[in-house]
């Protein structure tokens, strides 16, 4: 097979394991002999800042190269898998809904030629521009690494005829079509460590610890952490909970514990019946606004109802930082290699994933389906605010 010129980008929030996935794509191409110009460098071009770079890139007459691009080489990728984050950088740009103020200057000058989006005069669909940019760069296929938002944009590109392969990543683990996304296992490990380290200071002051964790729409990260930290109560977005019941359980845990403390873990999107989780700030391209800190609100409510002292701790962005653990590197290395295998076989429009504990590929997830959700009846004990561990024989390890 003739060499392929592959583009690769990372979008949305960073997670540990992204750099390992990028490196594995590079190495898989190199093993196939997909080289450029007779050099030993695989023909892999990084798109900087995710979809923002894909929209804004242009051929710079002064340098003769495209802006927002980084041709990858042995020297660049040698050690990138040892650190977290993404060396290609990232953004939350949504190509089919770019506001006028966010258009690059050359597109803003042509705004009257661009198709409008979302029924608004100042929002534009730039997917066609992205495709033209990638074609001008000579990209045969794009590998997009991201969560449901980034992969939703990849789906739209594929729908309009440009070949794409998706690799799922998100600490929320809520991408449709896969039981596992890059970053999930590292997030659980970091969350468990964070909670266990804080036991000593909570016990020293006789406090209830309330920990807020990622999970806007799905409670997989909260539930997975609670499977590791067996004495924590957890609240998830899929089940609006009874505040009085949770407070009674917290009081019970506090009175029974020798250290006179208790632990509560809540997803950022969890809320009790009758409560309201306020949002603030402007919406991003995907319609998401920042949520107020439910951990602070829950801690205050527990103190008000029980009289117990509480301390709220946010363990969201801490989970993004640092290198991936061994499992996330294994999955990243495998997903990246399989992405190149699919491209070699001409199978685009696919996303790598894990189903029933096995590596597989599925069509890129349709963004209209929304995020994957916890099966509450099977996995969550709504009375005890804990994961169900009984009855899991035959079920996948990662939900």
Protein backbone atom coordinates (compact mmCIF):
# COMPACT_ATOMS: atom_id res chain seq x y z
CA UNK A 1 0.00 0.00 0.00
CA UNK A 2 1.25 3.50 -0.80
CA UNK A 3 2.18 5.73 2.16
CA UNK A 4 -0.58 7.74 3.77
CA UNK A 5 -0.39 11.32 4.97
CA UNK A 6 -2.29 11.36 8.26
CA UNK A 7 -3.34 14.37 10.28
CA UNK A 8 -3.92 14.13 14.02
CA UNK A 9 -5.51 16.48 16.55
CA UNK A 10 -6.65 16.51 20.15
CA UNK A 11 -9.77 18.39 21.25
CA UNK A 12 -11.61 19.31 24.42
CA UNK A 13 -10.12 18.85 27.88
CA UNK A 14 -6.71 17.24 28.19
CA UNK A 15 -6.26 13.86 29.88
CA UNK A 16 -3.22 11.71 30.64
CA UNK A 17 -2.54 9.36 27.73
CA UNK A 18 -3.03 11.72 24.79
CA UNK A 19 0.67 11.99 24.02
CA UNK A 20 1.04 8.21 24.19
CA UNK A 21 -1.76 7.82 21.62
CA UNK A 22 -0.13 10.34 19.29
CA UNK A 23 3.22 8.58 19.58
CA UNK A 24 1.67 5.17 18.93
CA UNK A 25 0.08 6.43 15.68
CA UNK A 26 3.49 7.71 14.60
CA UNK A 27 5.27 4.45 15.43
CA UNK A 28 2.59 2.33 13.74
CA UNK A 29 2.97 4.38 10.56
CA UNK A 30 6.74 4.05 10.74
CA UNK A 31 6.51 0.26 11.04
CA UNK A 32 4.42 0.20 7.87
CA UNK A 33 7.02 2.21 6.00
CA UNK A 34 4.69 5.14 5.46
CA UNK A 35 7.50 7.62 5.04
CA UNK A 36 7.92 11.03 3.48
CA UNK A 37 10.45 12.12 0.90
CA UNK A 38 12.69 9.13 1.49
CA UNK A 39 13.34 10.26 5.07
CA UNK A 40 12.89 8.05 8.10
CA UNK A 41 10.13 10.26 9.45
CA UNK A 42 6.58 8.93 9.25
CA UNK A 43 4.25 11.22 7.34
CA UNK A 44 2.19 12.38 10.31
CA UNK A 45 1.17 16.01 10.74
CA UNK A 46 -0.11 17.34 14.04
CA UNK A 47 -2.90 19.92 13.91
CA UNK A 48 -2.26 22.40 16.72
CA UNK A 49 -5.04 23.51 19.09
CA UNK A 50 -7.56 20.95 17.90
CA UNK A 51 -10.47 22.09 15.76
CA UNK A 52 -9.46 25.71 16.27
CA UNK A 53 -6.27 25.05 14.31
CA UNK A 54 -8.14 23.04 11.70
CA UNK A 55 -10.40 26.05 11.08
CA UNK A 56 -7.69 28.71 11.18
CA UNK A 57 -4.74 27.10 9.37
CA UNK A 58 -3.49 28.69 6.17
CA UNK A 59 -0.48 28.50 3.91
CA UNK A 60 2.05 31.06 5.11
CA UNK A 61 3.68 32.61 2.05
CA UNK A 62 6.70 33.69 4.07
CA UNK A 63 7.58 30.20 5.27
CA UNK A 64 5.90 28.06 2.62
CA UNK A 65 4.25 25.95 5.35
CA UNK A 66 0.83 25.83 6.95
CA UNK A 67 0.14 27.59 10.21
CA UNK A 68 -1.24 25.57 13.12
CA UNK A 69 0.59 22.46 11.94
CA UNK A 70 3.51 20.47 13.28
CA UNK A 71 5.13 17.74 11.13
CA UNK A 72 6.05 15.00 13.59
CA UNK A 73 9.51 13.49 13.73
CA UNK A 74 11.48 10.98 15.78
CA UNK A 75 12.96 13.78 17.86
CA UNK A 76 9.58 15.34 18.64
CA UNK A 77 7.79 12.19 19.72
CA UNK A 78 10.63 10.33 21.44
CA UNK A 79 9.67 11.06 25.07
CA UNK A 80 6.20 12.62 24.81
CA UNK A 81 4.45 9.58 26.25
CA UNK A 82 6.20 10.12 29.58
CA UNK A 83 4.16 13.22 30.37
CA UNK A 84 0.48 14.13 30.54
CA UNK A 85 -1.43 16.77 28.65
CA UNK A 86 -1.15 17.10 24.88
CA UNK A 87 1.89 18.58 23.19
CA UNK A 88 -0.35 19.41 20.22
CA UNK A 89 -2.44 21.64 22.53
CA UNK A 90 -6.22 21.70 22.45
CA UNK A 91 -9.35 23.87 22.25
CA UNK A 92 -13.11 23.61 22.58
CA UNK A 93 -13.87 24.98 19.11
CA UNK A 94 -16.87 23.45 17.34
CA UNK A 95 -16.30 23.82 13.56
CA UNK A 96 -19.97 23.90 12.58
CA UNK A 97 -20.77 26.65 15.10
CA UNK A 98 -18.05 29.31 15.22
CA UNK A 99 -19.00 32.76 16.47
CA UNK A 100 -18.00 35.78 14.42
CA UNK A 101 -15.65 37.00 17.14
CA UNK A 102 -13.82 33.64 17.03
CA UNK A 103 -13.33 33.47 13.27
CA UNK A 104 -9.73 33.85 12.11
CA UNK A 105 -9.18 37.19 10.27
CA UNK A 106 -9.13 35.69 6.78
CA UNK A 107 -12.51 34.02 7.35
CA UNK A 108 -14.00 37.01 9.14
CA UNK A 109 -13.21 39.02 6.01
CA UNK A 110 -15.29 36.51 4.03
CA UNK A 111 -18.12 36.18 6.51
CA UNK A 112 -20.77 36.97 3.89
CA UNK A 113 -19.66 33.88 1.94
CA UNK A 114 -19.74 31.49 4.89
CA UNK A 115 -22.86 29.43 5.65
CA UNK A 116 -24.71 30.51 8.77
CA UNK A 117 -25.27 28.04 11.59
CA UNK A 118 -27.78 27.52 14.38
CA UNK A 119 -30.14 30.04 12.78
CA UNK A 120 -27.98 32.94 13.91
CA UNK A 121 -26.41 35.73 11.89
CA UNK A 122 -23.16 35.74 13.89
CA UNK A 123 -22.53 31.95 14.04
CA UNK A 124 -20.93 30.15 11.09
CA UNK A 125 -20.50 26.62 9.81
CA UNK A 126 -16.79 26.23 8.94
CA UNK A 127 -16.73 22.47 8.40
CA UNK A 128 -16.28 23.05 4.66
CA UNK A 129 -13.28 25.27 5.42
CA UNK A 130 -11.77 22.56 7.61
CA UNK A 131 -12.09 20.02 4.81
CA UNK A 132 -10.54 22.39 2.28
CA UNK A 133 -7.67 23.10 4.67
CA UNK A 134 -6.96 19.40 5.23
CA UNK A 135 -7.12 18.70 1.51
CA UNK A 136 -4.77 21.60 0.77
CA UNK A 137 -2.37 20.13 3.33
CA UNK A 138 -2.57 16.80 1.51
CA UNK A 139 -4.10 14.88 4.43
CA UNK A 140 -5.53 11.49 3.43
CA UNK A 141 -7.21 10.78 6.78
CA UNK A 142 -7.62 12.61 10.07
CA UNK A 143 -7.26 10.95 13.47
CA UNK A 144 -9.33 12.90 16.01
CA UNK A 145 -8.75 12.20 19.71
CA UNK A 146 -11.41 13.52 22.04
CA UNK A 147 -14.64 13.11 23.94
CA UNK A 148 -18.20 13.17 22.68
CA UNK A 149 -17.95 16.81 21.57
CA UNK A 150 -14.70 16.43 19.59
CA UNK A 151 -15.86 13.14 18.11
CA UNK A 152 -19.19 14.74 17.23
CA UNK A 153 -17.27 17.18 15.04
CA UNK A 154 -15.33 14.25 13.57
CA UNK A 155 -18.70 12.63 12.77
CA UNK A 156 -19.80 15.76 10.88
CA UNK A 157 -16.56 15.78 8.88
CA UNK A 158 -17.05 12.14 7.91
CA UNK A 159 -20.68 12.84 6.99
CA UNK A 160 -19.44 15.42 4.51
CA UNK A 161 -17.05 13.01 2.90
CA UNK A 162 -13.69 13.48 4.63
CA UNK A 163 -12.11 10.30 6.09
CA UNK A 164 -11.78 10.31 9.87
CA UNK A 165 -10.81 7.82 12.58
CA UNK A 166 -11.75 8.58 16.20
CA UNK A 167 -9.98 7.72 19.45
CA UNK A 168 -12.12 8.28 22.58
CA UNK A 169 -10.75 10.18 25.56
CA UNK A 170 -12.53 11.59 28.59
CA UNK A 171 -12.26 11.15 32.32
CA UNK A 172 -16.07 11.08 32.38
CA UNK A 173 -15.92 7.81 30.37
CA UNK A 174 -19.23 8.76 28.75
CA UNK A 175 -18.48 8.34 25.02
CA UNK A 176 -21.12 6.29 23.21
CA UNK A 177 -19.90 3.01 21.71
CA UNK A 178 -17.10 2.20 24.15
CA UNK A 179 -16.80 1.04 27.74
CA UNK A 180 -13.48 2.83 28.13
CA UNK A 181 -11.99 6.16 27.11
CA UNK A 182 -8.43 7.39 27.59
CA UNK A 183 -7.85 9.09 30.93
CA UNK A 184 -10.50 7.21 32.89
CA UNK A 185 -8.29 4.81 34.83
CA UNK A 186 -5.74 7.49 35.71
CA UNK A 187 -8.59 9.68 36.96
CA UNK A 188 -9.84 6.91 39.27
CA UNK A 189 -6.36 6.27 40.63
CA UNK A 190 -5.75 9.96 41.29
CA UNK A 191 -9.18 10.42 42.90
CA UNK A 192 -8.69 7.46 45.23
CA UNK A 193 -5.27 8.76 46.27
CA UNK A 194 -6.61 12.29 46.83
CA UNK A 195 -9.48 11.12 49.04
CA UNK A 196 -7.33 8.74 51.07
CA UNK A 197 -4.67 11.41 51.67
CA UNK A 198 -7.31 13.78 52.99
CA UNK A 199 -8.58 11.31 55.58
CA UNK A 200 -5.93 12.42 58.07
CA UNK A 201 -6.78 16.11 58.06
CA UNK A 202 -10.53 15.43 58.06
CA UNK A 203 -10.17 13.11 61.04
CA UNK A 204 -7.92 15.59 62.85
CA UNK A 205 -10.72 18.16 62.76
CA UNK A 206 -13.73 15.81 63.06
CA UNK A 207 -15.03 16.86 59.64
CA UNK A 208 -17.14 15.35 56.89
CA UNK A 209 -15.25 15.45 53.59
CA UNK A 210 -17.32 16.38 50.52
CA UNK A 211 -15.44 15.79 47.26
CA UNK A 212 -16.58 17.14 43.89
CA UNK A 213 -15.40 15.14 40.87
CA UNK A 214 -15.84 15.28 37.09
CA UNK A 215 -19.11 14.11 35.57
CA UNK A 216 -21.37 16.75 34.01
CA UNK A 217 -23.91 14.29 32.61
CA UNK A 218 -22.65 10.86 33.67
CA UNK A 219 -21.51 9.43 36.99
CA UNK A 220 -18.92 6.87 35.86
CA UNK A 221 -15.97 8.67 37.48
CA UNK A 222 -17.79 9.09 40.78
CA UNK A 223 -19.05 5.52 40.73
CA UNK A 224 -15.67 4.07 39.73
CA UNK A 225 -13.90 5.95 42.51
CA UNK A 226 -16.48 4.72 45.01
CA UNK A 227 -15.75 1.15 43.92
CA UNK A 228 -12.17 1.73 45.04
CA UNK A 229 -12.94 3.79 48.18
CA UNK A 230 -15.41 1.45 49.81
CA UNK A 231 -16.58 3.70 52.66
CA UNK A 232 -17.57 6.75 50.60
CA UNK A 233 -21.13 7.71 49.68
CA UNK A 234 -21.48 8.93 46.09
CA UNK A 235 -24.04 10.99 44.17
CA UNK A 236 -24.35 10.85 40.39
CA UNK A 237 -26.15 12.98 37.76
CA UNK A 238 -28.37 10.15 36.55
CA UNK A 239 -30.27 9.99 39.86
CA UNK A 240 -31.52 13.16 41.59
CA UNK A 241 -31.18 12.13 45.22
CA UNK A 242 -33.01 12.66 48.47
CA UNK A 243 -30.94 15.04 50.59
CA UNK A 244 -32.43 13.92 53.91
CA UNK A 245 -31.58 10.28 53.19
CA UNK A 246 -27.98 11.16 52.34
CA UNK A 247 -27.65 13.25 55.49
CA UNK A 248 -28.89 10.36 57.65
CA UNK A 249 -26.31 8.05 56.08
CA UNK A 250 -23.56 10.62 56.60
CA UNK A 251 -24.51 10.96 60.27
CA UNK A 252 -24.46 7.18 60.62
CA UNK A 253 -21.00 6.93 59.04
CA UNK A 254 -19.72 9.77 61.22
CA UNK A 255 -20.99 8.32 64.50
CA UNK A 256 -19.72 4.81 63.72
CA UNK A 257 -16.25 5.82 62.61
CA UNK A 258 -13.57 5.78 65.29
CA UNK A 259 -12.06 8.85 63.68
CA UNK A 260 -15.41 10.68 63.70
CA UNK A 261 -15.43 11.53 60.02
CA UNK A 262 -17.35 10.59 56.88
CA UNK A 263 -16.79 10.82 53.14
CA UNK A 264 -19.13 11.99 50.36
CA UNK A 265 -18.28 12.08 46.65
CA UNK A 266 -20.47 13.91 44.14
CA UNK A 267 -20.28 14.29 40.38
CA UNK A 268 -20.20 17.90 39.20
CA UNK A 269 -23.64 17.39 37.61
CA UNK A 270 -25.30 15.65 40.59
CA UNK A 271 -28.12 17.40 42.46
CA UNK A 272 -30.71 16.59 45.10
CA UNK A 273 -34.45 16.56 44.52
CA UNK A 274 -35.78 20.10 44.71
CA UNK A 275 -32.31 21.62 44.30
CA UNK A 276 -30.99 23.47 41.30
CA UNK A 277 -27.47 23.51 39.97
CA UNK A 278 -26.87 27.00 38.64
CA UNK A 279 -24.68 27.67 35.63
CA UNK A 280 -22.64 30.75 34.84
CA UNK A 281 -20.50 32.33 32.16
CA UNK A 282 -20.86 32.15 28.37
CA UNK A 283 -21.55 28.84 26.65
CA UNK A 284 -18.75 27.24 24.64
CA UNK A 285 -19.22 26.06 21.07
CA UNK A 286 -20.93 22.92 22.30
CA UNK A 287 -23.45 24.81 24.44
CA UNK A 288 -21.80 24.00 27.78
CA UNK A 289 -21.72 26.65 30.51
CA UNK A 290 -19.73 26.24 33.71
CA UNK A 291 -21.65 24.73 36.60
CA UNK A 292 -21.60 26.17 40.09
CA UNK A 293 -19.73 24.02 42.60
CA UNK A 294 -22.19 21.43 43.85
CA UNK A 295 -19.60 20.27 46.38
CA UNK A 296 -19.73 23.61 48.20
CA UNK A 297 -23.53 23.61 48.12
CA UNK A 298 -23.79 20.03 49.35
CA UNK A 299 -21.30 20.59 52.17
CA UNK A 300 -23.30 23.60 53.33
CA UNK A 301 -26.56 21.63 53.16
CA UNK A 302 -25.11 18.73 55.17
CA UNK A 303 -23.90 21.09 57.89
CA UNK A 304 -27.28 22.82 58.01
CA UNK A 305 -29.22 19.57 58.34
CA UNK A 306 -26.86 17.61 60.63
CA UNK A 307 -24.84 20.18 62.50
CA UNK A 308 -21.65 18.39 61.47
CA UNK A 309 -18.65 20.32 60.28
CA UNK A 310 -17.79 19.80 56.61
CA UNK A 311 -14.94 20.56 54.26
CA UNK A 312 -15.53 20.71 50.50
CA UNK A 313 -12.69 19.71 48.20
CA UNK A 314 -12.63 19.96 44.41
CA UNK A 315 -10.80 17.07 42.72
CA UNK A 316 -11.64 17.82 39.12
CA UNK A 317 -8.72 19.46 37.34
CA UNK A 318 -6.19 17.75 39.58
CA UNK A 319 -7.14 14.52 37.79
CA UNK A 320 -6.03 15.94 34.42
CA UNK A 321 -2.48 16.72 35.47
CA UNK A 322 0.56 14.47 35.44
CA UNK A 323 1.46 11.35 33.46
CA UNK A 324 -0.91 8.48 32.60
CA UNK A 325 -0.88 5.27 34.58
CA UNK A 326 0.12 1.95 33.01
CA UNK A 327 -3.39 0.97 31.87
CA UNK A 328 -4.07 4.28 30.15
CA UNK A 329 -0.73 3.97 28.33
CA UNK A 330 -1.56 0.41 27.27
CA UNK A 331 -4.96 1.47 25.91
CA UNK A 332 -3.50 4.59 24.26
CA UNK A 333 -0.75 2.58 22.56
CA UNK A 334 -3.28 0.02 21.36
CA UNK A 335 -5.87 2.52 20.15
CA UNK A 336 -3.22 4.46 18.20
CA UNK A 337 -1.88 1.34 16.54
CA UNK A 338 -5.35 0.06 15.67
CA UNK A 339 -6.22 3.45 14.17
CA UNK A 340 -3.41 3.00 11.64
CA UNK A 341 -4.56 -0.58 10.98
CA UNK A 342 -8.05 0.70 10.13
CA UNK A 343 -6.65 3.37 7.81
CA UNK A 344 -4.55 0.73 6.06
CA UNK A 345 -7.69 -1.37 5.57
CA UNK A 346 -9.65 1.60 4.22
CA UNK A 347 -12.07 1.54 7.16
CA UNK A 348 -12.72 5.17 8.03
CA UNK A 349 -15.66 6.77 9.81
CA UNK A 350 -14.84 4.49 12.73
CA UNK A 351 -13.95 4.99 16.38
CA UNK A 352 -11.73 2.64 18.36
CA UNK A 353 -13.29 1.34 21.52
CA UNK A 354 -13.70 -1.46 24.03
CA UNK A 355 -16.89 -3.52 24.21
CA UNK A 356 -17.40 -6.52 26.48
CA UNK A 357 -13.78 -6.02 27.54
CA UNK A 358 -12.45 -6.46 23.99
CA UNK A 359 -10.88 -4.00 21.57
CA UNK A 360 -13.18 -3.17 18.69
CA UNK A 361 -14.26 -0.36 16.41
CA UNK A 362 -17.68 1.18 15.91
CA UNK A 363 -19.04 3.98 13.71
CA UNK A 364 -18.14 7.45 14.96
CA UNK A 365 -20.77 8.35 17.57
CA UNK A 366 -23.65 10.47 16.32
CA UNK A 367 -23.66 13.61 18.52
CA UNK A 368 -27.46 13.54 18.56
CA UNK A 369 -27.29 10.48 20.83
CA UNK A 370 -25.73 12.49 23.64
CA UNK A 371 -23.35 11.08 26.27
CA UNK A 372 -23.42 7.52 27.57
CA UNK A 373 -25.09 7.20 30.99
CA UNK A 374 -24.77 4.96 34.03
CA UNK A 375 -27.24 2.07 34.11
CA UNK A 376 -28.64 3.05 37.50
CA UNK A 377 -30.70 -0.09 38.04
CA UNK A 378 -27.75 -2.39 37.41
CA UNK A 379 -24.83 -0.42 38.84
CA UNK A 380 -26.00 2.04 41.51
CA UNK A 381 -27.62 1.45 44.91
CA UNK A 382 -29.89 4.47 45.20
CA UNK A 383 -30.70 3.73 48.87
CA UNK A 384 -27.10 3.42 50.05
CA UNK A 385 -25.49 5.92 47.64
CA UNK A 386 -22.92 3.32 46.65
CA UNK A 387 -22.04 1.23 43.59
CA UNK A 388 -23.55 -2.21 43.28
CA UNK A 389 -20.78 -4.81 43.39
CA UNK A 390 -22.99 -7.86 43.80
CA UNK A 391 -24.33 -9.36 40.60
CA UNK A 392 -21.48 -8.14 38.38
CA UNK A 393 -20.42 -11.61 37.22
CA UNK A 394 -20.21 -11.56 33.45
CA UNK A 395 -20.26 -7.76 33.20
CA UNK A 396 -17.38 -5.67 31.81
CA UNK A 397 -14.81 -4.35 34.28
CA UNK A 398 -15.26 -0.74 33.12
CA UNK A 399 -19.06 -0.54 33.01
